[in-house]
PDB file of all heavy atoms in Angstrom:
ATOM      1  N   SER A   1      77.149 137.161 187.600  1.00  0.00           N
ATOM      2  CA  SER A   1      77.781 136.147 186.743  1.00  0.00           C
ATOM      3  C   SER A   1      78.754 135.262 187.464  1.00  0.00           C
ATOM      4  O   SER A   1      79.020 134.124 186.944  1.00  0.00           O
ATOM      5  CB  SER A   1      78.351 136.737 185.526  1.00  0.00           C
ATOM      6  OG  SER A   1      79.364 137.717 185.940  1.00  0.00           O
ATOM      7  N   ASN A   2      79.350 135.806 188.536  1.00  0.00           N
ATOM      8  CA  ASN A   2      80.256 134.909 189.269  1.00  0.00           C
ATOM      9  C   ASN A   2      79.620 134.113 190.419  1.00  0.00           C
ATOM     10  O   ASN A   2      80.254 133.523 191.205  1.00  0.00           O
ATOM     11  CB  ASN A   2      81.321 135.969 189.948  1.00  0.00           C
ATOM     12  CG  ASN A   2      82.090 136.649 188.761  1.00  0.00           C
ATOM     13  OD1 ASN A   2      82.418 136.055 187.709  1.00  0.00           O
ATOM     14  ND2 ASN A   2      82.445 137.872 189.132  1.00  0.00           N
ATOM     15  N   ALA A   3      78.281 134.228 190.649  1.00  0.00           N
ATOM     16  CA  ALA A   3      77.675 133.652 191.668  1.00  0.00           C
ATOM     17  C   ALA A   3      77.856 132.214 191.858  1.00  0.00           C
ATOM     18  O   ALA A   3      78.082 131.696 192.912  1.00  0.00           O
ATOM     19  CB  ALA A   3      76.106 133.987 191.671  1.00  0.00           C
ATOM     20  N   VAL A   4      77.533 131.362 190.847  1.00  0.00           N
ATOM     21  CA  VAL A   4      77.662 129.917 190.911  1.00  0.00           C
ATOM     22  C   VAL A   4      79.121 129.457 191.242  1.00  0.00           C
ATOM     23  O   VAL A   4      79.272 128.682 192.285  1.00  0.00           O
ATOM     24  CB  VAL A   4      77.387 129.292 189.556  1.00  0.00           C
ATOM     25  CG1 VAL A   4      77.448 127.771 189.561  1.00  0.00           C
ATOM     26  CG2 VAL A   4      75.791 129.615 189.280  1.00  0.00           C
ATOM     27  N   ALA A   5      80.159 130.018 190.651  1.00  0.00           N
ATOM     28  CA  ALA A   5      81.473 129.786 190.977  1.00  0.00           C
ATOM     29  C   ALA A   5      81.862 130.026 192.598  1.00  0.00           C
ATOM     30  O   ALA A   5      82.438 129.308 193.173  1.00  0.00           O
ATOM     31  CB  ALA A   5      82.482 130.301 190.170  1.00  0.00           C
ATOM     32  N   ALA A   6      81.355 131.289 192.864  1.00  0.00           N
ATOM     33  CA  ALA A   6      81.620 131.719 194.278  1.00  0.00           C
ATOM     34  C   ALA A   6      80.928 130.863 195.289  1.00  0.00           C
ATOM     35  O   ALA A   6      81.399 130.565 196.358  1.00  0.00           O
ATOM     36  CB  ALA A   6      81.182 133.268 194.443  1.00  0.00           C
ATOM     37  N   LEU A   7      79.664 130.427 195.097  1.00  0.00           N
ATOM     38  CA  LEU A   7      78.973 129.563 195.933  1.00  0.00           C
ATOM     39  C   LEU A   7      79.629 128.219 195.980  1.00  0.00           C
ATOM     40  O   LEU A   7      79.789 127.711 197.105  1.00  0.00           O
ATOM     41  CB  LEU A   7      77.465 129.394 195.364  1.00  0.00           C
ATOM     42  CG  LEU A   7      76.555 128.689 196.284  1.00  0.00           C
ATOM     43  CD1 LEU A   7      76.202 129.563 197.486  1.00  0.00           C
ATOM     44  CD2 LEU A   7      75.254 128.258 195.532  1.00  0.00           C
ATOM     45  N   LYS A   8      79.967 127.623 194.887  1.00  0.00           N
ATOM     46  CA  LYS A   8      80.683 126.366 194.882  1.00  0.00           C
ATOM     47  C   LYS A   8      81.917 126.382 195.605  1.00  0.00           C
ATOM     48  O   LYS A   8      82.401 125.429 196.290  1.00  0.00           O
ATOM     49  CB  LYS A   8      80.945 125.960 193.388  1.00  0.00           C
ATOM     50  CG  LYS A   8      81.359 124.510 193.284  1.00  0.00           C
ATOM     51  CD  LYS A   8      81.569 124.073 191.856  1.00  0.00           C
ATOM     52  CE  LYS A   8      82.069 122.710 191.634  1.00  0.00           C
ATOM     53  NZ  LYS A   8      82.167 122.317 190.122  1.00  0.00           N
ATOM     54  N   ASN A   9      82.741 127.520 195.533  1.00  0.00           N
ATOM     55  CA  ASN A   9      84.057 127.623 196.153  1.00  0.00           C
ATOM     56  C   ASN A   9      83.962 128.057 197.573  1.00  0.00           C
ATOM     57  O   ASN A   9      84.934 128.190 198.284  1.00  0.00           O
ATOM     58  CB  ASN A   9      84.882 128.538 195.406  1.00  0.00           C
ATOM     59  CG  ASN A   9      85.245 128.087 194.053  1.00  0.00           C
ATOM     60  OD1 ASN A   9      85.203 126.951 193.848  1.00  0.00           O
ATOM     61  ND2 ASN A   9      85.475 129.023 193.117  1.00  0.00           N
ATOM     62  N   GLY A  10      82.754 128.241 198.123  1.00  0.00           N
ATOM     63  CA  GLY A  10      82.541 128.855 199.546  1.00  0.00           C
ATOM     64  C   GLY A  10      82.810 130.172 199.768  1.00  0.00           C
ATOM     65  O   GLY A  10      82.861 130.492 201.027  1.00  0.00           O
ATOM     66  N   GLN A  11      82.999 130.926 198.755  1.00  0.00           N
ATOM     67  CA  GLN A  11      83.277 132.433 198.951  1.00  0.00           C
ATOM     68  C   GLN A  11      82.055 133.145 199.432  1.00  0.00           C
ATOM     69  O   GLN A  11      82.084 134.224 200.005  1.00  0.00           O
ATOM     70  CB  GLN A  11      83.829 132.992 197.697  1.00  0.00           C
ATOM     71  CG  GLN A  11      85.190 132.391 197.146  1.00  0.00           C
ATOM     72  CD  GLN A  11      85.511 132.931 195.837  1.00  0.00           C
ATOM     73  OE1 GLN A  11      84.846 132.620 194.793  1.00  0.00           O
ATOM     74  NE2 GLN A  11      86.680 133.682 195.770  1.00  0.00           N
ATOM     75  N   ILE A  12      80.840 132.690 199.159  1.00  0.00           N
ATOM     76  CA  ILE A  12      79.583 133.315 199.566  1.00  0.00           C
ATOM     77  C   ILE A  12      78.700 132.126 200.138  1.00  0.00           C
ATOM     78  O   ILE A  12      78.903 130.904 199.801  1.00  0.00           O
ATOM     79  CB  ILE A  12      78.839 134.001 198.413  1.00  0.00           C
ATOM     80  CG1 ILE A  12      78.530 132.975 197.320  1.00  0.00           C
ATOM     81  CG2 ILE A  12      79.627 135.219 197.839  1.00  0.00           C
ATOM     82  CD1 ILE A  12      77.644 133.617 196.086  1.00  0.00           C
ATOM     83  N   ASP A  13      77.763 132.556 200.824  1.00  0.00           N
ATOM     84  CA  ASP A  13      76.792 131.569 201.440  1.00  0.00           C
ATOM     85  C   ASP A  13      75.564 131.422 200.571  1.00  0.00           C
ATOM     86  O   ASP A  13      74.726 130.402 200.654  1.00  0.00           O
ATOM     87  CB  ASP A  13      76.314 131.980 202.804  1.00  0.00           C
ATOM     88  CG  ASP A  13      77.497 131.979 203.768  1.00  0.00           C
ATOM     89  OD1 ASP A  13      78.089 130.962 204.065  1.00  0.00           O
ATOM     90  OD2 ASP A  13      77.869 133.022 204.379  1.00  0.00           O
ATOM     91  N   GLY A  14      75.294 132.467 199.719  1.00  0.00           N
ATOM     92  CA  GLY A  14      74.276 132.370 198.872  1.00  0.00           C
ATOM     93  C   GLY A  14      74.100 133.635 197.898  1.00  0.00           C
ATOM     94  O   GLY A  14      74.893 134.485 198.034  1.00  0.00           O
ATOM     95  N   PHE A  15      73.152 133.527 196.946  1.00  0.00           N
ATOM     96  CA  PHE A  15      72.997 134.696 196.004  1.00  0.00           C
ATOM     97  C   PHE A  15      71.530 134.793 195.792  1.00  0.00           C
ATOM     98  O   PHE A  15      70.622 133.897 195.990  1.00  0.00           O
ATOM     99  CB  PHE A  15      73.803 134.412 194.833  1.00  0.00           C
ATOM    100  CG  PHE A  15      73.286 133.333 193.806  1.00  0.00           C
ATOM    101  CD1 PHE A  15      72.367 133.518 192.956  1.00  0.00           C
ATOM    102  CD2 PHE A  15      73.863 131.977 194.091  1.00  0.00           C
ATOM    103  CE1 PHE A  15      72.030 132.440 192.055  1.00  0.00           C
ATOM    104  CE2 PHE A  15      73.441 131.112 193.223  1.00  0.00           C
ATOM    105  CZ  PHE A  15      72.561 131.220 192.201  1.00  0.00           C
ATOM    106  N   VAL A  16      71.218 136.011 195.465  1.00  0.00           N
ATOM    107  CA  VAL A  16      69.791 136.420 195.059  1.00  0.00           C
ATOM    108  C   VAL A  16      69.780 136.644 193.561  1.00  0.00           C
ATOM    109  O   VAL A  16      70.464 137.457 193.106  1.00  0.00           O
ATOM    110  CB  VAL A  16      69.334 137.595 195.945  1.00  0.00           C
ATOM    111  CG1 VAL A  16      67.842 137.995 195.502  1.00  0.00           C
ATOM    112  CG2 VAL A  16      69.477 137.303 197.384  1.00  0.00           C
ATOM    113  N   THR A  17      68.764 136.145 192.871  1.00  0.00           N
ATOM    114  CA  THR A  17      68.656 136.358 191.557  1.00  0.00           C
ATOM    115  C   THR A  17      67.146 136.463 191.163  1.00  0.00           C
ATOM    116  O   THR A  17      66.249 135.850 191.785  1.00  0.00           O
ATOM    117  CB  THR A  17      69.254 135.276 190.681  1.00  0.00           C
ATOM    118  OG1 THR A  17      69.282 135.685 189.205  1.00  0.00           O
ATOM    119  CG2 THR A  17      68.706 133.927 190.769  1.00  0.00           C
ATOM    120  N   ALA A  18      66.801 137.227 190.111  1.00  0.00           N
ATOM    121  CA  ALA A  18      65.365 137.226 189.669  1.00  0.00           C
ATOM    122  C   ALA A  18      65.382 137.064 188.142  1.00  0.00           C
ATOM    123  O   ALA A  18      66.201 137.520 187.373  1.00  0.00           O
ATOM    124  CB  ALA A  18      64.768 138.614 189.984  1.00  0.00           C
ATOM    125  N   GLY A  19      64.495 136.146 187.702  1.00  0.00           N
ATOM    126  CA  GLY A  19      64.264 135.915 186.355  1.00  0.00           C
ATOM    127  C   GLY A  19      63.193 134.893 186.198  1.00  0.00           C
ATOM    128  O   GLY A  19      62.551 134.594 187.052  1.00  0.00           O
ATOM    129  N   SER A  20      62.992 134.472 184.882  1.00  0.00           N
ATOM    130  CA  SER A  20      61.904 133.314 184.697  1.00  0.00           C
ATOM    131  C   SER A  20      62.381 132.143 185.313  1.00  0.00           C
ATOM    132  O   SER A  20      63.583 131.930 185.597  1.00  0.00           O
ATOM    133  CB  SER A  20      61.680 133.215 183.189  1.00  0.00           C
ATOM    134  OG  SER A  20      63.096 132.875 182.638  1.00  0.00           O
ATOM    135  N   TRP A  21      61.442 131.306 185.769  1.00  0.00           N
ATOM    136  CA  TRP A  21      61.867 130.063 186.290  1.00  0.00           C
ATOM    137  C   TRP A  21      61.533 128.972 185.348  1.00  0.00           C
ATOM    138  O   TRP A  21      60.615 129.136 184.498  1.00  0.00           O
ATOM    139  CB  TRP A  21      61.106 129.802 187.603  1.00  0.00           C
ATOM    140  CG  TRP A  21      59.608 129.683 187.554  1.00  0.00           C
ATOM    141  CD1 TRP A  21      58.731 130.540 187.795  1.00  0.00           C
ATOM    142  CD2 TRP A  21      58.941 128.387 187.359  1.00  0.00           C
ATOM    143  NE1 TRP A  21      57.407 130.173 187.678  1.00  0.00           N
ATOM    144  CE2 TRP A  21      57.650 128.785 187.368  1.00  0.00           C
ATOM    145  CE3 TRP A  21      59.234 127.137 187.036  1.00  0.00           C
ATOM    146  CZ2 TRP A  21      56.543 127.810 187.168  1.00  0.00           C
ATOM    147  CZ3 TRP A  21      58.273 126.102 186.830  1.00  0.00           C
ATOM    148  CH2 TRP A  21      56.863 126.489 186.951  1.00  0.00           C
ATOM    149  N   PRO A  22      62.224 127.831 185.153  1.00  0.00           N
ATOM    150  CA  PRO A  22      63.581 127.657 185.862  1.00  0.00           C
ATOM    151  C   PRO A  22      64.622 128.620 185.362  1.00  0.00           C
ATOM    152  O   PRO A  22      64.707 128.783 184.188  1.00  0.00           O
ATOM    153  CB  PRO A  22      63.947 126.240 185.656  1.00  0.00           C
ATOM    154  CG  PRO A  22      63.133 125.985 184.327  1.00  0.00           C
ATOM    155  CD  PRO A  22      61.980 126.728 184.339  1.00  0.00           C
ATOM    156  N   ALA A  23      65.329 129.233 186.300  1.00  0.00           N
ATOM    157  CA  ALA A  23      66.344 130.092 186.049  1.00  0.00           C
ATOM    158  C   ALA A  23      67.678 129.432 185.627  1.00  0.00           C
ATOM    159  O   ALA A  23      68.066 128.600 186.413  1.00  0.00           O
ATOM    160  CB  ALA A  23      66.628 131.229 187.150  1.00  0.00           C
ATOM    161  N   PRO A  24      68.231 129.814 184.550  1.00  0.00           N
ATOM    162  CA  PRO A  24      69.572 129.087 184.145  1.00  0.00           C
ATOM    163  C   PRO A  24      70.595 129.008 185.217  1.00  0.00           C
ATOM    164  O   PRO A  24      71.274 128.054 185.325  1.00  0.00           O
ATOM    165  CB  PRO A  24      69.919 129.923 182.881  1.00  0.00           C
ATOM    166  CG  PRO A  24      68.654 130.344 182.288  1.00  0.00           C
ATOM    167  CD  PRO A  24      67.869 130.765 183.496  1.00  0.00           C
ATOM    168  N   ASN A  25      70.878 130.177 185.742  1.00  0.00           N
ATOM    169  CA  ASN A  25      71.911 130.206 186.908  1.00  0.00           C
ATOM    170  C   ASN A  25      71.658 129.430 188.039  1.00  0.00           C
ATOM    171  O   ASN A  25      72.506 128.964 188.727  1.00  0.00           O
ATOM    172  CB  ASN A  25      72.314 131.660 187.225  1.00  0.00           C
ATOM    173  CG  ASN A  25      71.170 132.488 187.675  1.00  0.00           C
ATOM    174  OD1 ASN A  25      70.006 132.134 187.562  1.00  0.00           O
ATOM    175  ND2 ASN A  25      71.527 133.639 188.244  1.00  0.00           N
ATOM    176  N   VAL A  26      70.300 129.260 188.396  1.00  0.00           N
ATOM    177  CA  VAL A  26      69.912 128.431 189.574  1.00  0.00           C
ATOM    178  C   VAL A  26      69.967 126.969 189.124  1.00  0.00           C
ATOM    179  O   VAL A  26      70.421 126.206 189.957  1.00  0.00           O
ATOM    180  CB  VAL A  26      68.529 128.856 190.020  1.00  0.00           C
ATOM    181  CG1 VAL A  26      68.104 127.922 191.215  1.00  0.00           C
ATOM    182  CG2 VAL A  26      68.492 130.339 190.321  1.00  0.00           C
ATOM    183  N   ILE A  27      69.680 126.581 187.827  1.00  0.00           N
ATOM    184  CA  ILE A  27      69.737 125.291 187.438  1.00  0.00           C
ATOM    185  C   ILE A  27      71.281 124.836 187.594  1.00  0.00           C
ATOM    186  O   ILE A  27      71.721 123.734 187.984  1.00  0.00           O
ATOM    187  CB  ILE A  27      69.363 125.175 185.933  1.00  0.00           C
ATOM    188  CG1 ILE A  27      67.938 125.309 185.846  1.00  0.00           C
ATOM    189  CG2 ILE A  27      69.817 123.745 185.332  1.00  0.00           C
ATOM    190  CD1 ILE A  27      67.338 125.342 184.506  1.00  0.00           C
ATOM    191  N   GLU A  28      72.193 125.802 187.068  1.00  0.00           N
ATOM    192  CA  GLU A  28      73.663 125.535 187.189  1.00  0.00           C
ATOM    193  C   GLU A  28      74.143 125.259 188.643  1.00  0.00           C
ATOM    194  O   GLU A  28      74.883 124.413 188.871  1.00  0.00           O
ATOM    195  CB  GLU A  28      74.399 126.648 186.447  1.00  0.00           C
ATOM    196  CG  GLU A  28      75.870 126.343 186.416  1.00  0.00           C
ATOM    197  CD  GLU A  28      76.602 127.589 185.808  1.00  0.00           C
ATOM    198  OE1 GLU A  28      76.046 128.640 185.354  1.00  0.00           O
ATOM    199  OE2 GLU A  28      77.758 127.510 185.719  1.00  0.00           O
ATOM    200  N   ALA A  29      73.660 126.194 189.423  1.00  0.00           N
ATOM    201  CA  ALA A  29      74.095 126.059 190.808  1.00  0.00           C
ATOM    202  C   ALA A  29      73.694 124.843 191.468  1.00  0.00           C
ATOM    203  O   ALA A  29      74.390 124.114 192.112  1.00  0.00           O
ATOM    204  CB  ALA A  29      73.524 127.308 191.555  1.00  0.00           C
ATOM    205  N   ALA A  30      72.366 124.439 191.325  1.00  0.00           N
ATOM    206  CA  ALA A  30      71.844 123.250 191.891  1.00  0.00           C
ATOM    207  C   ALA A  30      72.465 121.974 191.320  1.00  0.00           C
ATOM    208  O   ALA A  30      72.497 121.019 191.994  1.00  0.00           O
ATOM    209  CB  ALA A  30      70.290 123.249 191.722  1.00  0.00           C
ATOM    210  N   ALA A  31      72.900 122.029 190.058  1.00  0.00           N
ATOM    211  CA  ALA A  31      73.598 120.904 189.503  1.00  0.00           C
ATOM    212  C   ALA A  31      74.988 120.821 189.872  1.00  0.00           C
ATOM    213  O   ALA A  31      75.549 119.603 189.790  1.00  0.00           O
ATOM    214  CB  ALA A  31      73.483 121.008 188.030  1.00  0.00           C
ATOM    215  N   SER A  32      75.613 121.802 190.366  1.00  0.00           N
ATOM    216  CA  SER A  32      77.027 121.748 190.661  1.00  0.00           C
ATOM    217  C   SER A  32      77.321 121.536 192.128  1.00  0.00           C
ATOM    218  O   SER A  32      78.479 121.175 192.481  1.00  0.00           O
ATOM    219  CB  SER A  32      77.743 122.984 190.077  1.00  0.00           C
ATOM    220  OG  SER A  32      77.198 124.153 190.720  1.00  0.00           O
ATOM    221  N   THR A  33      76.383 122.013 192.999  1.00  0.00           N
ATOM    222  CA  THR A  33      76.678 121.841 194.451  1.00  0.00           C
ATOM    223  C   THR A  33      75.222 121.817 195.203  1.00  0.00           C
ATOM    224  O   THR A  33      74.388 122.448 194.681  1.00  0.00           O
ATOM    225  CB  THR A  33      77.398 123.170 195.011  1.00  0.00           C
ATOM    226  OG1 THR A  33      77.895 122.837 196.363  1.00  0.00           O
ATOM    227  CG2 THR A  33      76.690 124.356 194.819  1.00  0.00           C
ATOM    228  N   PRO A  34      75.248 121.097 196.378  1.00  0.00           N
ATOM    229  CA  PRO A  34      73.895 121.100 197.098  1.00  0.00           C
ATOM    230  C   PRO A  34      73.446 122.490 197.552  1.00  0.00           C
ATOM    231  O   PRO A  34      74.256 123.237 198.069  1.00  0.00           O
ATOM    232  CB  PRO A  34      74.185 120.184 198.192  1.00  0.00           C
ATOM    233  CG  PRO A  34      75.308 119.322 197.817  1.00  0.00           C
ATOM    234  CD  PRO A  34      76.198 120.325 196.936  1.00  0.00           C
ATOM    235  N   VAL A  35      72.213 122.873 197.193  1.00  0.00           N
ATOM    236  CA  VAL A  35      71.624 124.124 197.540  1.00  0.00           C
ATOM    237  C   VAL A  35      70.299 124.045 198.163  1.00  0.00           C
ATOM    238  O   VAL A  35      69.576 123.065 198.018  1.00  0.00           O
ATOM    239  CB  VAL A  35      71.592 125.141 196.306  1.00  0.00           C
ATOM    240  CG1 VAL A  35      72.993 125.270 195.651  1.00  0.00           C
ATOM    241  CG2 VAL A  35      70.601 124.579 195.313  1.00  0.00           C
ATOM    242  N   THR A  36      70.009 125.144 198.944  1.00  0.00           N
ATOM    243  CA  THR A  36      68.592 125.157 199.349  1.00  0.00           C
ATOM    244  C   THR A  36      68.088 126.500 198.830  1.00  0.00           C
ATOM    245  O   THR A  36      68.586 127.589 198.958  1.00  0.00           O
ATOM    246  CB  THR A  36      68.623 125.354 200.923  1.00  0.00           C
ATOM    247  OG1 THR A  36      69.195 124.107 201.507  1.00  0.00           O
ATOM    248  CG2 THR A  36      67.180 125.445 201.453  1.00  0.00           C
ATOM    249  N   ILE A  37      66.862 126.385 198.285  1.00  0.00           N
ATOM    250  CA  ILE A  37      66.219 127.580 197.631  1.00  0.00           C
ATOM    251  C   ILE A  37      65.023 127.975 198.624  1.00  0.00           C
ATOM    252  O   ILE A  37      64.180 127.193 198.872  1.00  0.00           O
ATOM    253  CB  ILE A  37      65.734 127.284 196.239  1.00  0.00           C
ATOM    254  CG1 ILE A  37      66.873 126.739 195.377  1.00  0.00           C
ATOM    255  CG2 ILE A  37      65.023 128.530 195.538  1.00  0.00           C
ATOM    256  CD1 ILE A  37      66.423 126.292 193.973  1.00  0.00           C
ATOM    257  N   LEU A  38      65.141 129.164 199.146  1.00  0.00           N
ATOM    258  CA  LEU A  38      64.221 129.507 200.356  1.00  0.00           C
ATOM    259  C   LEU A  38      62.882 129.855 199.880  1.00  0.00           C
ATOM    260  O   LEU A  38      62.643 130.433 198.794  1.00  0.00           O
ATOM    261  CB  LEU A  38      64.912 130.728 201.087  1.00  0.00           C
ATOM    262  CG  LEU A  38      66.304 130.624 201.521  1.00  0.00           C
ATOM    263  CD1 LEU A  38      66.659 131.937 202.307  1.00  0.00           C
ATOM    264  CD2 LEU A  38      66.498 129.384 202.355  1.00  0.00           C
ATOM    265  N   SER A  39      61.968 129.424 200.681  1.00  0.00           N
ATOM    266  CA  SER A  39      60.659 129.916 200.579  1.00  0.00           C
ATOM    267  C   SER A  39      60.414 131.124 201.525  1.00  0.00           C
ATOM    268  O   SER A  39      61.048 131.224 202.549  1.00  0.00           O
ATOM    269  CB  SER A  39      59.481 128.777 200.876  1.00  0.00           C
ATOM    270  OG  SER A  39      59.458 127.903 199.836  1.00  0.00           O
ATOM    271  N   LEU A  40      59.292 131.963 201.159  1.00  0.00           N
ATOM    272  CA  LEU A  40      58.951 133.032 201.957  1.00  0.00           C
ATOM    273  C   LEU A  40      57.519 132.689 202.638  1.00  0.00           C
ATOM    274  O   LEU A  40      56.819 131.929 202.079  1.00  0.00           O
ATOM    275  CB  LEU A  40      58.817 134.322 201.324  1.00  0.00           C
ATOM    276  CG  LEU A  40      60.019 135.106 200.988  1.00  0.00           C
ATOM    277  CD1 LEU A  40      60.979 134.484 199.891  1.00  0.00           C
ATOM    278  CD2 LEU A  40      59.720 136.556 200.303  1.00  0.00           C
ATOM    279  N   THR A  41      57.396 133.128 203.853  1.00  0.00           N
ATOM    280  CA  THR A  41      56.030 132.958 204.539  1.00  0.00           C
ATOM    281  C   THR A  41      55.122 133.883 203.813  1.00  0.00           C
ATOM    282  O   THR A  41      55.328 134.843 203.270  1.00  0.00           O
ATOM    283  CB  THR A  41      56.228 133.321 206.046  1.00  0.00           C
ATOM    284  OG1 THR A  41      56.433 134.728 206.147  1.00  0.00           O
ATOM    285  CG2 THR A  41      57.389 132.472 206.567  1.00  0.00           C
TER     286      THR A  41
END
């Protein structure tokens, strides 16, 4: 629950989350700070 704030403040480099897409916490993160969402090979 602290992931978005921690990412925005630079306390973490990233977070991992699982849920339906679009995921609310990922929407919030992408809207508040530039992010990269990784693809897997």
